[in-house]
């Protein structure tokens, strides 16, 4: 269950299980998706995708904990956790990656100690 709270802002936006969003979401805080999003999501805080959550599109956030379905280009500044119930398809750019047993990962992952908002690695000098 995607309820682990690791470094998320106290301002959490919620897309409920019965909600479907098409378009672009931008958040200065953290966000939890239990419904369905088709489009882009950008969160300055953390992103939690619950077991009923589905996102199809481009995602950027500080951290990610997912128990749901993700498809697209995902750029995470710090740590990504794919829980046992998660399904990931696409490109992942992150510094740290944890994949629990049972999770499905079908795509590419680039891990770097510094990933910019375009998903490109930056070399620290």
PDB file of N, CA and C in Angstrom:
ATOM      1  N   UNK A   1       0.849  -1.174   0.000  1.00  0.00           N
ATOM      2  CA  UNK A   1       0.000   0.000   0.000  1.00  0.00           C
ATOM      3  C   UNK A   1       0.890   1.231   0.000  1.00  0.00           C
ATOM      4  N   UNK A   2       0.621   2.188  -0.847  1.00  0.00           N
ATOM      5  CA  UNK A   2       1.458   3.374  -0.990  1.00  0.00           C
ATOM      6  C   UNK A   2       1.103   4.409   0.060  1.00  0.00           C
ATOM      7  N   UNK A   3       1.524   4.183   1.278  1.00  0.00           N
ATOM      8  CA  UNK A   3       1.214   5.122   2.347  1.00  0.00           C
ATOM      9  C   UNK A   3       2.457   5.532   3.114  1.00  0.00           C
ATOM     10  N   UNK A   4       3.614   5.083   2.653  1.00  0.00           N
ATOM     11  CA  UNK A   4       4.854   5.431   3.327  1.00  0.00           C
ATOM     12  C   UNK A   4       5.135   6.910   3.114  1.00  0.00           C
ATOM     13  N   UNK A   5       5.425   7.620   4.175  1.00  0.00           N
ATOM     14  CA  UNK A   5       5.651   9.056   4.090  1.00  0.00           C
ATOM     15  C   UNK A   5       7.127   9.333   4.329  1.00  0.00           C
ATOM     16  N   UNK A   6       7.844   9.641   3.264  1.00  0.00           N
ATOM     17  CA  UNK A   6       9.274   9.894   3.378  1.00  0.00           C
ATOM     18  C   UNK A   6       9.612  11.223   2.722  1.00  0.00           C
ATOM     19  N   UNK A   7       9.631  12.284   3.503  1.00  0.00           N
ATOM     20  CA  UNK A   7      10.018  13.584   2.992  1.00  0.00           C
ATOM     21  C   UNK A   7       8.954  14.323   2.224  1.00  0.00           C
ATOM     22  N   UNK A   8       7.692  14.024   2.447  1.00  0.00           N
ATOM     23  CA  UNK A   8       6.627  14.696   1.725  1.00  0.00           C
ATOM     24  C   UNK A   8       6.171  15.925   2.487  1.00  0.00           C
ATOM     25  N   UNK A   9       5.748  16.907   1.740  1.00  0.00           N
ATOM     26  CA  UNK A   9       5.215  18.133   2.306  1.00  0.00           C
ATOM     27  C   UNK A   9       3.942  17.838   3.101  1.00  0.00           C
ATOM     28  N   UNK A  10       3.633  18.701   4.063  1.00  0.00           N
ATOM     29  CA  UNK A  10       2.391  18.524   4.824  1.00  0.00           C
ATOM     30  C   UNK A  10       1.163  18.892   3.983  1.00  0.00           C
ATOM     31  N   UNK A  11       1.365  19.617   2.880  1.00  0.00           N
ATOM     32  CA  UNK A  11       0.283  19.935   1.957  1.00  0.00           C
ATOM     33  C   UNK A  11       0.174  18.816   0.929  1.00  0.00           C
ATOM     34  N   UNK A  12      -0.797  17.925   1.118  1.00  0.00           N
ATOM     35  CA  UNK A  12      -0.957  16.801   0.201  1.00  0.00           C
ATOM     36  C   UNK A  12      -2.257  16.970  -0.562  1.00  0.00           C
ATOM     37  N   UNK A  13      -2.159  16.993  -1.878  1.00  0.00           N
ATOM     38  CA  UNK A  13      -3.322  17.028  -2.752  1.00  0.00           C
ATOM     39  C   UNK A  13      -3.745  15.596  -3.015  1.00  0.00           C
ATOM     40  N   UNK A  14      -5.047  15.359  -3.151  1.00  0.00           N
ATOM     41  CA  UNK A  14      -5.548  14.006  -3.330  1.00  0.00           C
ATOM     42  C   UNK A  14      -6.461  13.922  -4.542  1.00  0.00           C
ATOM     43  N   UNK A  15      -6.158  12.965  -5.418  1.00  0.00           N
ATOM     44  CA  UNK A  15      -7.056  12.611  -6.511  1.00  0.00           C
ATOM     45  C   UNK A  15      -7.668  11.276  -6.102  1.00  0.00           C
ATOM     46  N   UNK A  16      -8.933  11.303  -5.752  1.00  0.00           N
ATOM     47  CA  UNK A  16      -9.622  10.155  -5.171  1.00  0.00           C
ATOM     48  C   UNK A  16      -9.863   9.045  -6.188  1.00  0.00           C
ATOM     49  N   UNK A  17     -10.147   7.848  -5.695  1.00  0.00           N
ATOM     50  CA  UNK A  17     -10.339   6.660  -6.521  1.00  0.00           C
ATOM     51  C   UNK A  17     -11.441   6.835  -7.568  1.00  0.00           C
ATOM     52  N   UNK A  18     -12.430   7.627  -7.303  1.00  0.00           N
ATOM     53  CA  UNK A  18     -13.538   7.811  -8.245  1.00  0.00           C
ATOM     54  C   UNK A  18     -13.316   8.986  -9.202  1.00  0.00           C
ATOM     55  N   UNK A  19     -12.099   9.545  -9.219  1.00  0.00           N
ATOM     56  CA  UNK A  19     -11.810  10.723 -10.032  1.00  0.00           C
ATOM     57  C   UNK A  19     -10.945  10.366 -11.238  1.00  0.00           C
ATOM     58  N   UNK A  20     -11.317  10.914 -12.406  1.00  0.00           N
ATOM     59  CA  UNK A  20     -10.538  10.762 -13.639  1.00  0.00           C
ATOM     60  C   UNK A  20     -10.158  12.166 -14.090  1.00  0.00           C
ATOM     61  N   UNK A  21      -8.850  12.375 -14.309  1.00  0.00           N
ATOM     62  CA  UNK A  21      -8.353  13.678 -14.734  1.00  0.00           C
ATOM     63  C   UNK A  21      -7.644  13.522 -16.070  1.00  0.00           C
ATOM     64  N   UNK A  22      -7.957  14.429 -17.011  1.00  0.00           N
ATOM     65  CA  UNK A  22      -7.247  14.482 -18.282  1.00  0.00           C
ATOM     66  C   UNK A  22      -6.676  15.882 -18.406  1.00  0.00           C
ATOM     67  N   UNK A  23      -5.347  15.964 -18.553  1.00  0.00           N
ATOM     68  CA  UNK A  23      -4.716  17.275 -18.672  1.00  0.00           C
ATOM     69  C   UNK A  23      -3.426  17.373 -17.897  1.00  0.00           C
ATOM     70  N   UNK A  24      -3.182  18.557 -17.338  1.00  0.00           N
ATOM     71  CA  UNK A  24      -1.917  18.848 -16.667  1.00  0.00           C
ATOM     72  C   UNK A  24      -2.166  19.227 -15.207  1.00  0.00           C
ATOM     73  N   UNK A  25      -1.402  18.603 -14.300  1.00  0.00           N
ATOM     74  CA  UNK A  25      -1.472  18.936 -12.878  1.00  0.00           C
ATOM     75  C   UNK A  25      -0.104  19.440 -12.447  1.00  0.00           C
ATOM     76  N   UNK A  26      -0.091  20.603 -11.792  1.00  0.00           N
ATOM     77  CA  UNK A  26       1.135  21.163 -11.231  1.00  0.00           C
ATOM     78  C   UNK A  26       0.874  21.438  -9.761  1.00  0.00           C
ATOM     79  N   UNK A  27       1.806  20.953  -8.888  1.00  0.00           N
ATOM     80  CA  UNK A  27       1.623  21.118  -7.452  1.00  0.00           C
ATOM     81  C   UNK A  27       2.908  21.615  -6.808  1.00  0.00           C
ATOM     82  N   UNK A  28       2.780  22.628  -5.942  1.00  0.00           N
ATOM     83  CA  UNK A  28       3.920  23.116  -5.165  1.00  0.00           C
ATOM     84  C   UNK A  28       4.221  22.174  -4.003  1.00  0.00           C
ATOM     85  N   UNK A  29       3.262  21.335  -3.649  1.00  0.00           N
ATOM     86  CA  UNK A  29       3.424  20.396  -2.538  1.00  0.00           C
ATOM     87  C   UNK A  29       3.479  18.966  -3.032  1.00  0.00           C
ATOM     88  N   UNK A  30       2.975  18.058  -2.227  1.00  0.00           N
ATOM     89  CA  UNK A  30       2.937  16.641  -2.554  1.00  0.00           C
ATOM     90  C   UNK A  30       1.551  16.267  -3.059  1.00  0.00           C
ATOM     91  N   UNK A  31       1.468  15.123  -3.717  1.00  0.00           N
ATOM     92  CA  UNK A  31       0.197  14.702  -4.287  1.00  0.00           C
ATOM     93  C   UNK A  31       0.055  13.186  -4.188  1.00  0.00           C
ATOM     94  N   UNK A  32      -1.170  12.744  -3.966  1.00  0.00           N
ATOM     95  CA  UNK A  32      -1.482  11.317  -3.944  1.00  0.00           C
ATOM     96  C   UNK A  32      -2.549  11.050  -4.993  1.00  0.00           C
ATOM     97  N   UNK A  33      -2.292  10.049  -5.836  1.00  0.00           N
ATOM     98  CA  UNK A  33      -3.220   9.681  -6.890  1.00  0.00           C
ATOM     99  C   UNK A  33      -3.798   8.303  -6.573  1.00  0.00           C
ATOM    100  N   UNK A  34      -5.096   8.245  -6.323  1.00  0.00           N
ATOM    101  CA  UNK A  34      -5.796   6.972  -6.160  1.00  0.00           C
ATOM    102  C   UNK A  34      -6.761   6.752  -7.320  1.00  0.00           C
ATOM    103  N   UNK A  35      -6.949   7.791  -8.128  1.00  0.00           N
ATOM    104  CA  UNK A  35      -7.808   7.718  -9.307  1.00  0.00           C
ATOM    105  C   UNK A  35      -6.965   7.551 -10.554  1.00  0.00           C
ATOM    106  N   UNK A  36      -7.430   8.151 -11.653  1.00  0.00           N
ATOM    107  CA  UNK A  36      -6.753   7.981 -12.943  1.00  0.00           C
ATOM    108  C   UNK A  36      -6.387   9.342 -13.526  1.00  0.00           C
ATOM    109  N   UNK A  37      -5.138   9.464 -14.000  1.00  0.00           N
ATOM    110  CA  UNK A  37      -4.660  10.682 -14.651  1.00  0.00           C
ATOM    111  C   UNK A  37      -4.085  10.321 -16.004  1.00  0.00           C
ATOM    112  N   UNK A  38      -4.560  11.023 -17.040  1.00  0.00           N
ATOM    113  CA  UNK A  38      -3.970  10.931 -18.364  1.00  0.00           C
ATOM    114  C   UNK A  38      -3.498  12.335 -18.697  1.00  0.00           C
ATOM    115  N   UNK A  39      -2.171  12.511 -18.818  1.00  0.00           N
ATOM    116  CA  UNK A  39      -1.615  13.834 -19.075  1.00  0.00           C
ATOM    117  C   UNK A  39      -0.262  13.981 -18.419  1.00  0.00           C
ATOM    118  N   UNK A  40      -0.004  15.161 -17.873  1.00  0.00           N
ATOM    119  CA  UNK A  40       1.280  15.414 -17.218  1.00  0.00           C
ATOM    120  C   UNK A  40       1.062  15.804 -15.762  1.00  0.00           C
ATOM    121  N   UNK A  41       2.040  15.440 -14.940  1.00  0.00           N
ATOM    122  CA  UNK A  41       1.989  15.772 -13.531  1.00  0.00           C
ATOM    123  C   UNK A  41       3.364  16.261 -13.105  1.00  0.00           C
ATOM    124  N   UNK A  42       3.392  17.404 -12.437  1.00  0.00           N
ATOM    125  CA  UNK A  42       4.634  17.960 -11.910  1.00  0.00           C
ATOM    126  C   UNK A  42       4.385  18.352 -10.456  1.00  0.00           C
ATOM    127  N   UNK A  43       5.164  17.740  -9.543  1.00  0.00           N
ATOM    128  CA  UNK A  43       5.014  18.033  -8.119  1.00  0.00           C
ATOM    129  C   UNK A  43       6.375  18.389  -7.539  1.00  0.00           C
ATOM    130  N   UNK A  44       6.431  19.516  -6.828  1.00  0.00           N
ATOM    131  CA  UNK A  44       7.675  19.904  -6.183  1.00  0.00           C
ATOM    132  C   UNK A  44       7.971  19.030  -4.968  1.00  0.00           C
ATOM    133  N   UNK A  45       6.934  18.434  -4.413  1.00  0.00           N
ATOM    134  CA  UNK A  45       7.087  17.504  -3.289  1.00  0.00           C
ATOM    135  C   UNK A  45       7.055  16.079  -3.787  1.00  0.00           C
ATOM    136  N   UNK A  46       6.532  15.199  -2.958  1.00  0.00           N
ATOM    137  CA  UNK A  46       6.485  13.789  -3.293  1.00  0.00           C
ATOM    138  C   UNK A  46       5.218  13.403  -4.026  1.00  0.00           C
ATOM    139  N   UNK A  47       5.288  12.263  -4.693  1.00  0.00           N
ATOM    140  CA  UNK A  47       4.143  11.695  -5.384  1.00  0.00           C
ATOM    141  C   UNK A  47       3.915  10.292  -4.848  1.00  0.00           C
ATOM    142  N   UNK A  48       2.680  10.020  -4.442  1.00  0.00           N
ATOM    143  CA  UNK A  48       2.277   8.683  -4.023  1.00  0.00           C
ATOM    144  C   UNK A  48       1.178   8.230  -4.974  1.00  0.00           C
ATOM    145  N   UNK A  49       1.355   7.042  -5.541  1.00  0.00           N
ATOM    146  CA  UNK A  49       0.330   6.451  -6.397  1.00  0.00           C
ATOM    147  C   UNK A  49      -0.187   5.228  -5.650  1.00  0.00           C
ATOM    148  N   UNK A  50      -1.453   5.282  -5.239  1.00  0.00           N
ATOM    149  CA  UNK A  50      -2.050   4.185  -4.500  1.00  0.00           C
ATOM    150  C   UNK A  50      -2.297   2.976  -5.376  1.00  0.00           C
ATOM    151  N   UNK A  51      -2.704   1.880  -4.785  1.00  0.00           N
ATOM    152  CA  UNK A  51      -2.913   0.640  -5.541  1.00  0.00           C
ATOM    153  C   UNK A  51      -3.991   0.764  -6.612  1.00  0.00           C
ATOM    154  N   UNK A  52      -4.929   1.694  -6.434  1.00  0.00           N
ATOM    155  CA  UNK A  52      -5.968   1.917  -7.447  1.00  0.00           C
ATOM    156  C   UNK A  52      -5.593   3.043  -8.406  1.00  0.00           C
ATOM    157  N   UNK A  53      -4.448   3.679  -8.182  1.00  0.00           N
ATOM    158  CA  UNK A  53      -4.021   4.813  -8.993  1.00  0.00           C
ATOM    159  C   UNK A  53      -3.417   4.389 -10.326  1.00  0.00           C
ATOM    160  N   UNK A  54      -3.680   5.212 -11.348  1.00  0.00           N
ATOM    161  CA  UNK A  54      -3.134   4.983 -12.689  1.00  0.00           C
ATOM    162  C   UNK A  54      -2.722   6.323 -13.280  1.00  0.00           C
ATOM    163  N   UNK A  55      -1.498   6.392 -13.786  1.00  0.00           N
ATOM    164  CA  UNK A  55      -1.041   7.598 -14.476  1.00  0.00           C
ATOM    165  C   UNK A  55      -0.459   7.190 -15.813  1.00  0.00           C
ATOM    166  N   UNK A  56      -0.916   7.859 -16.871  1.00  0.00           N
ATOM    167  CA  UNK A  56      -0.386   7.659 -18.204  1.00  0.00           C
ATOM    168  C   UNK A  56       0.044   9.022 -18.715  1.00  0.00           C
ATOM    169  N   UNK A  57       1.370   9.224 -18.830  1.00  0.00           N
ATOM    170  CA  UNK A  57       1.885  10.515 -19.283  1.00  0.00           C
ATOM    171  C   UNK A  57       3.222  10.812 -18.651  1.00  0.00           C
ATOM    172  N   UNK A  58       3.644  12.060 -18.737  1.00  0.00           N
ATOM    173  CA  UNK A  58       4.924  12.489 -18.191  1.00  0.00           C
ATOM    174  C   UNK A  58       4.765  12.915 -16.738  1.00  0.00           C
ATOM    175  N   UNK A  59       5.714  12.486 -15.906  1.00  0.00           N
ATOM    176  CA  UNK A  59       5.660  12.758 -14.474  1.00  0.00           C
ATOM    177  C   UNK A  59       7.002  13.314 -14.020  1.00  0.00           C
ATOM    178  N   UNK A  60       6.959  14.331 -13.149  1.00  0.00           N
ATOM    179  CA  UNK A  60       8.176  14.783 -12.463  1.00  0.00           C
ATOM    180  C   UNK A  60       7.797  15.110 -11.025  1.00  0.00           C
ATOM    181  N   UNK A  61       8.673  14.678 -10.098  1.00  0.00           N
ATOM    182  CA  UNK A  61       8.440  14.905  -8.673  1.00  0.00           C
ATOM    183  C   UNK A  61       9.759  14.743  -7.931  1.00  0.00           C
ATOM    184  N   UNK A  62       9.742  15.135  -6.668  1.00  0.00           N
ATOM    185  CA  UNK A  62      10.933  14.984  -5.836  1.00  0.00           C
ATOM    186  C   UNK A  62      11.149  13.516  -5.473  1.00  0.00           C
ATOM    187  N   UNK A  63      10.090  12.841  -5.011  1.00  0.00           N
ATOM    188  CA  UNK A  63      10.151  11.426  -4.658  1.00  0.00           C
ATOM    189  C   UNK A  63       8.903  10.731  -5.183  1.00  0.00           C
ATOM    190  N   UNK A  64       8.980   9.409  -5.301  1.00  0.00           N
ATOM    191  CA  UNK A  64       7.844   8.631  -5.793  1.00  0.00           C
ATOM    192  C   UNK A  64       7.729   7.332  -5.011  1.00  0.00           C
ATOM    193  N   UNK A  65       6.522   7.045  -4.543  1.00  0.00           N
ATOM    194  CA  UNK A  65       6.166   5.746  -3.984  1.00  0.00           C
ATOM    195  C   UNK A  65       4.933   5.299  -4.757  1.00  0.00           C
ATOM    196  N   UNK A  66       5.037   4.149  -5.448  1.00  0.00           N
ATOM    197  CA  UNK A  66       3.928   3.708  -6.279  1.00  0.00           C
ATOM    198  C   UNK A  66       3.514   2.279  -5.957  1.00  0.00           C
ATOM    199  N   UNK A  67       2.215   2.107  -5.794  1.00  0.00           N
ATOM    200  CA  UNK A  67       1.610   0.788  -5.668  1.00  0.00           C
ATOM    201  C   UNK A  67       0.652   0.551  -6.822  1.00  0.00           C
ATOM    202  N   UNK A  68       0.555   1.524  -7.737  1.00  0.00           N
ATOM    203  CA  UNK A  68      -0.390   1.463  -8.846  1.00  0.00           C
ATOM    204  C   UNK A  68       0.290   1.294 -10.191  1.00  0.00           C
ATOM    205  N   UNK A  69      -0.345   1.831 -11.248  1.00  0.00           N
ATOM    206  CA  UNK A  69       0.141   1.674 -12.619  1.00  0.00           C
ATOM    207  C   UNK A  69       0.686   3.000 -13.140  1.00  0.00           C
ATOM    208  N   UNK A  70       1.897   2.956 -13.687  1.00  0.00           N
ATOM    209  CA  UNK A  70       2.521   4.133 -14.282  1.00  0.00           C
ATOM    210  C   UNK A  70       2.964   3.796 -15.695  1.00  0.00           C
ATOM    211  N   UNK A  71       2.701   4.731 -16.624  1.00  0.00           N
ATOM    212  CA  UNK A  71       3.142   4.540 -17.992  1.00  0.00           C
ATOM    213  C   UNK A  71       3.588   5.887 -18.528  1.00  0.00           C
ATOM    214  N   UNK A  72       4.848   5.969 -19.007  1.00  0.00           N
ATOM    215  CA  UNK A  72       5.334   7.201 -19.588  1.00  0.00           C
ATOM    216  C   UNK A  72       6.755   7.506 -19.181  1.00  0.00           C
ATOM    217  N   UNK A  73       7.121   8.779 -19.284  1.00  0.00           N
ATOM    218  CA  UNK A  73       8.447   9.264 -18.896  1.00  0.00           C
ATOM    219  C   UNK A  73       8.344   9.825 -17.476  1.00  0.00           C
ATOM    220  N   UNK A  74       9.125   9.262 -16.562  1.00  0.00           N
ATOM    221  CA  UNK A  74       9.052   9.621 -15.149  1.00  0.00           C
ATOM    222  C   UNK A  74      10.413  10.133 -14.697  1.00  0.00           C
ATOM    223  N   UNK A  75      10.448  11.368 -14.188  1.00  0.00           N
ATOM    224  CA  UNK A  75      11.678  11.992 -13.712  1.00  0.00           C
ATOM    225  C   UNK A  75      11.527  12.282 -12.224  1.00  0.00           C
ATOM    226  N   UNK A  76      12.316  11.577 -11.408  1.00  0.00           N
ATOM    227  CA  UNK A  76      12.253  11.713  -9.957  1.00  0.00           C
ATOM    228  C   UNK A  76      13.610  12.217  -9.466  1.00  0.00           C
ATOM    229  N   UNK A  77      13.611  13.318  -8.732  1.00  0.00           N
ATOM    230  CA  UNK A  77      14.851  13.942  -8.292  1.00  0.00           C
ATOM    231  C   UNK A  77      15.608  13.116  -7.267  1.00  0.00           C
ATOM    232  N   UNK A  78      14.914  12.380  -6.417  1.00  0.00           N
ATOM    233  CA  UNK A  78      15.583  11.670  -5.338  1.00  0.00           C
ATOM    234  C   UNK A  78      15.333  10.164  -5.414  1.00  0.00           C
ATOM    235  N   UNK A  79      14.311   9.665  -4.736  1.00  0.00           N
ATOM    236  CA  UNK A  79      14.119   8.225  -4.562  1.00  0.00           C
ATOM    237  C   UNK A  79      12.796   7.749  -5.143  1.00  0.00           C
ATOM    238  N   UNK A  80      12.864   6.588  -5.802  1.00  0.00           N
ATOM    239  CA  UNK A  80      11.680   5.942  -6.360  1.00  0.00           C
ATOM    240  C   UNK A  80      11.494   4.593  -5.686  1.00  0.00           C
ATOM    241  N   UNK A  81      10.271   4.333  -5.213  1.00  0.00           N
ATOM    242  CA  UNK A  81       9.936   3.038  -4.622  1.00  0.00           C
ATOM    243  C   UNK A  81       8.771   2.465  -5.420  1.00  0.00           C
ATOM    244  N   UNK A  82       8.992   1.287  -6.017  1.00  0.00           N
ATOM    245  CA  UNK A  82       7.919   0.569  -6.702  1.00  0.00           C
ATOM    246  C   UNK A  82       7.517  -0.583  -5.801  1.00  0.00           C
ATOM    247  N   UNK A  83       6.331  -0.461  -5.221  1.00  0.00           N
ATOM    248  CA  UNK A  83       5.853  -1.470  -4.283  1.00  0.00           C
ATOM    249  C   UNK A  83       5.410  -2.732  -5.026  1.00  0.00           C
ATOM    250  N   UNK A  84       5.170  -3.793  -4.292  1.00  0.00           N
ATOM    251  CA  UNK A  84       4.864  -5.112  -4.857  1.00  0.00           C
ATOM    252  C   UNK A  84       3.690  -5.102  -5.831  1.00  0.00           C
ATOM    253  N   UNK A  85       2.733  -4.195  -5.651  1.00  0.00           N
ATOM    254  CA  UNK A  85       1.544  -4.154  -6.507  1.00  0.00           C
ATOM    255  C   UNK A  85       1.703  -3.234  -7.711  1.00  0.00           C
ATOM    256  N   UNK A  86       2.862  -2.597  -7.852  1.00  0.00           N
ATOM    257  CA  UNK A  86       3.025  -1.597  -8.913  1.00  0.00           C
ATOM    258  C   UNK A  86       3.367  -2.220 -10.262  1.00  0.00           C
ATOM    259  N   UNK A  87       2.946  -1.510 -11.307  1.00  0.00           N
ATOM    260  CA  UNK A  87       3.273  -1.864 -12.686  1.00  0.00           C
ATOM    261  C   UNK A  87       3.822  -0.603 -13.341  1.00  0.00           C
ATOM    262  N   UNK A  88       5.051  -0.676 -13.838  1.00  0.00           N
ATOM    263  CA  UNK A  88       5.695   0.475 -14.468  1.00  0.00           C
ATOM    264  C   UNK A  88       6.058   0.114 -15.901  1.00  0.00           C
ATOM    265  N   UNK A  89       5.685   1.002 -16.837  1.00  0.00           N
ATOM    266  CA  UNK A  89       6.048   0.848 -18.244  1.00  0.00           C
ATOM    267  C   UNK A  89       6.534   2.195 -18.747  1.00  0.00           C
ATOM    268  N   UNK A  90       7.795   2.252 -19.206  1.00  0.00           N
ATOM    269  CA  UNK A  90       8.295   3.505 -19.756  1.00  0.00           C
ATOM    270  C   UNK A  90       9.735   3.778 -19.398  1.00  0.00           C
ATOM    271  N   UNK A  91      10.050   5.078 -19.274  1.00  0.00           N
ATOM    272  CA  UNK A  91      11.398   5.530 -18.961  1.00  0.00           C
ATOM    273  C   UNK A  91      11.404   6.121 -17.558  1.00  0.00           C
ATOM    274  N   UNK A  92      12.401   5.736 -16.766  1.00  0.00           N
ATOM    275  CA  UNK A  92      12.531   6.240 -15.405  1.00  0.00           C
ATOM    276  C   UNK A  92      13.906   6.856 -15.224  1.00  0.00           C
ATOM    277  N   UNK A  93      13.928   8.094 -14.739  1.00  0.00           N
ATOM    278  CA  UNK A  93      15.153   8.803 -14.394  1.00  0.00           C
ATOM    279  C   UNK A  93      15.080   9.099 -12.904  1.00  0.00           C
ATOM    280  N   UNK A  94      16.014   8.579 -12.119  1.00  0.00           N
ATOM    281  CA  UNK A  94      15.972   8.729 -10.672  1.00  0.00           C
ATOM    282  C   UNK A  94      17.366   8.582 -10.091  1.00  0.00           C
ATOM    283  N   UNK A  95      17.560   9.008  -8.853  1.00  0.00           N
ATOM    284  CA  UNK A  95      18.839   8.804  -8.177  1.00  0.00           C
ATOM    285  C   UNK A  95      18.889   7.448  -7.492  1.00  0.00           C
ATOM    286  N   UNK A  96      17.795   7.070  -6.828  1.00  0.00           N
ATOM    287  CA  UNK A  96      17.742   5.818  -6.072  1.00  0.00           C
ATOM    288  C   UNK A  96      16.482   5.068  -6.478  1.00  0.00           C
ATOM    289  N   UNK A  97      16.601   3.732  -6.591  1.00  0.00           N
ATOM    290  CA  UNK A  97      15.470   2.922  -7.022  1.00  0.00           C
ATOM    291  C   UNK A  97      15.332   1.695  -6.128  1.00  0.00           C
ATOM    292  N   UNK A  98      14.122   1.497  -5.621  1.00  0.00           N
ATOM    293  CA  UNK A  98      13.791   0.316  -4.832  1.00  0.00           C
ATOM    294  C   UNK A  98      12.608  -0.354  -5.526  1.00  0.00           C
ATOM    295  N   UNK A  99      12.794  -1.628  -5.904  1.00  0.00           N
ATOM    296  CA  UNK A  99      11.719  -2.389  -6.536  1.00  0.00           C
ATOM    297  C   UNK A  99      11.414  -3.577  -5.643  1.00  0.00           C
ATOM    298  N   UNK A 100      10.212  -3.603  -5.087  1.00  0.00           N
ATOM    299  CA  UNK A 100       9.821  -4.705  -4.214  1.00  0.00           C
ATOM    300  C   UNK A 100       9.471  -5.935  -5.044  1.00  0.00           C
ATOM    301  N   UNK A 101       9.649  -7.101  -4.447  1.00  0.00           N
ATOM    302  CA  UNK A 101       9.301  -8.350  -5.102  1.00  0.00           C
ATOM    303  C   UNK A 101       7.816  -8.336  -5.464  1.00  0.00           C
ATOM    304  N   UNK A 102       7.530  -8.696  -6.707  1.00  0.00           N
ATOM    305  CA  UNK A 102       6.156  -8.698  -7.194  1.00  0.00           C
ATOM    306  C   UNK A 102       5.850  -7.527  -8.112  1.00  0.00           C
ATOM    307  N   UNK A 103       6.630  -6.453  -8.021  1.00  0.00           N
ATOM    308  CA  UNK A 103       6.431  -5.299  -8.894  1.00  0.00           C
ATOM    309  C   UNK A 103       6.817  -5.675 -10.324  1.00  0.00           C
ATOM    310  N   UNK A 104       6.176  -5.029 -11.280  1.00  0.00           N
ATOM    311  CA  UNK A 104       6.497  -5.250 -12.693  1.00  0.00           C
ATOM    312  C   UNK A 104       7.141  -3.982 -13.232  1.00  0.00           C
ATOM    313  N   UNK A 105       8.350  -4.130 -13.778  1.00  0.00           N
ATOM    314  CA  UNK A 105       9.074  -3.010 -14.367  1.00  0.00           C
ATOM    315  C   UNK A 105       9.399  -3.380 -15.804  1.00  0.00           C
ATOM    316  N   UNK A 106       8.798  -2.669 -16.752  1.00  0.00           N
ATOM    317  CA  UNK A 106       9.020  -2.924 -18.168  1.00  0.00           C
ATOM    318  C   UNK A 106       9.426  -1.612 -18.814  1.00  0.00           C
ATOM    319  N   UNK A 107      10.724  -1.375 -18.882  1.00  0.00           N
ATOM    320  CA  UNK A 107      11.182  -0.125 -19.453  1.00  0.00           C
ATOM    321  C   UNK A 107      12.660   0.067 -19.251  1.00  0.00           C
ATOM    322  N   UNK A 108      13.049   1.333 -19.248  1.00  0.00           N
ATOM    323  CA  UNK A 108      14.451   1.702 -19.076  1.00  0.00           C
ATOM    324  C   UNK A 108      14.582   2.572 -17.843  1.00  0.00           C
ATOM    325  N   UNK A 109      15.734   2.449 -17.176  1.00  0.00           N
ATOM    326  CA  UNK A 109      16.005   3.268 -16.005  1.00  0.00           C
ATOM    327  C   UNK A 109      17.407   3.842 -16.102  1.00  0.00           C
ATOM    328  N   UNK A 110      17.522   5.134 -15.886  1.00  0.00           N
ATOM    329  CA  UNK A 110      18.812   5.805 -15.801  1.00  0.00           C
ATOM    330  C   UNK A 110      18.928   6.342 -14.388  1.00  0.00           C
ATOM    331  N   UNK A 111      19.921   5.823 -13.659  1.00  0.00           N
ATOM    332  CA  UNK A 111      20.142   6.267 -12.288  1.00  0.00           C
ATOM    333  C   UNK A 111      21.387   7.134 -12.273  1.00  0.00           C
ATOM    334  N   UNK A 112      21.250   8.306 -11.647  1.00  0.00           N
ATOM    335  CA  UNK A 112      22.349   9.248 -11.575  1.00  0.00           C
ATOM    336  C   UNK A 112      22.256   9.985 -10.257  1.00  0.00           C
ATOM    337  N   UNK A 113      23.400  10.479  -9.775  1.00  0.00           N
ATOM    338  CA  UNK A 113      23.368  11.230  -8.520  1.00  0.00           C
ATOM    339  C   UNK A 113      22.819  12.629  -8.726  1.00  0.00           C
ATOM    340  N   UNK A 114      22.595  13.010  -9.968  1.00  0.00           N
ATOM    341  CA  UNK A 114      21.993  14.304 -10.260  1.00  0.00           C
ATOM    342  C   UNK A 114      21.231  14.212 -11.566  1.00  0.00           C
ATOM    343  N   UNK A 115      19.923  14.340 -11.495  1.00  0.00           N
ATOM    344  CA  UNK A 115      19.071  14.299 -12.677  1.00  0.00           C
ATOM    345  C   UNK A 115      18.317  15.607 -12.765  1.00  0.00           C
ATOM    346  N   UNK A 116      18.448  16.287 -13.905  1.00  0.00           N
ATOM    347  CA  UNK A 116      17.733  17.560 -14.040  1.00  0.00           C
ATOM    348  C   UNK A 116      16.299  17.318 -14.480  1.00  0.00           C
ATOM    349  N   UNK A 117      15.525  18.377 -14.622  1.00  0.00           N
ATOM    350  CA  UNK A 117      14.093  18.238 -14.901  1.00  0.00           C
ATOM    351  C   UNK A 117      13.810  17.683 -16.285  1.00  0.00           C
ATOM    352  N   UNK A 118      14.804  17.610 -17.167  1.00  0.00           N
ATOM    353  CA  UNK A 118      14.608  17.042 -18.500  1.00  0.00           C
ATOM    354  C   UNK A 118      14.956  15.566 -18.527  1.00  0.00           C
ATOM    355  N   UNK A 119      15.407  15.026 -17.384  1.00  0.00           N
ATOM    356  CA  UNK A 119      15.773  13.628 -17.337  1.00  0.00           C
ATOM    357  C   UNK A 119      17.195  13.372 -17.767  1.00  0.00           C
ATOM    358  N   UNK A 120      17.981  14.427 -17.939  1.00  0.00           N
ATOM    359  CA  UNK A 120      19.370  14.273 -18.365  1.00  0.00           C
ATOM    360  C   UNK A 120      20.279  14.311 -17.149  1.00  0.00           C
ATOM    361  N   UNK A 121      21.316  13.499 -17.204  1.00  0.00           N
ATOM    362  CA  UNK A 121      22.285  13.469 -16.105  1.00  0.00           C
ATOM    363  C   UNK A 121      23.157  14.707 -16.156  1.00  0.00           C
ATOM    364  N   UNK A 122      23.508  15.171 -14.991  1.00  0.00           N
ATOM    365  CA  UNK A 122      24.447  16.279 -14.877  1.00  0.00           C
ATOM    366  C   UNK A 122      25.638  15.783 -14.081  1.00  0.00           C
ATOM    367  N   UNK A 123      26.822  16.068 -14.541  1.00  0.00           N
ATOM    368  CA  UNK A 123      28.018  15.668 -13.825  1.00  0.00           C
ATOM    369  C   UNK A 123      28.358  16.707 -12.788  1.00  0.00           C
ATOM    370  N   UNK A 124      28.542  16.269 -11.546  1.00  0.00           N
ATOM    371  CA  UNK A 124      28.928  17.183 -10.488  1.00  0.00           C
ATOM    372  C   UNK A 124      30.418  17.446 -10.568  1.00  0.00           C
ATOM    373  N   UNK A 125      30.801  18.724 -10.439  1.00  0.00           N
ATOM    374  CA  UNK A 125      32.225  19.102 -10.507  1.00  0.00           C
ATOM    375  C   UNK A 125      32.711  19.468  -9.136  1.00  0.00           C
TER     376      UNK A 125
END
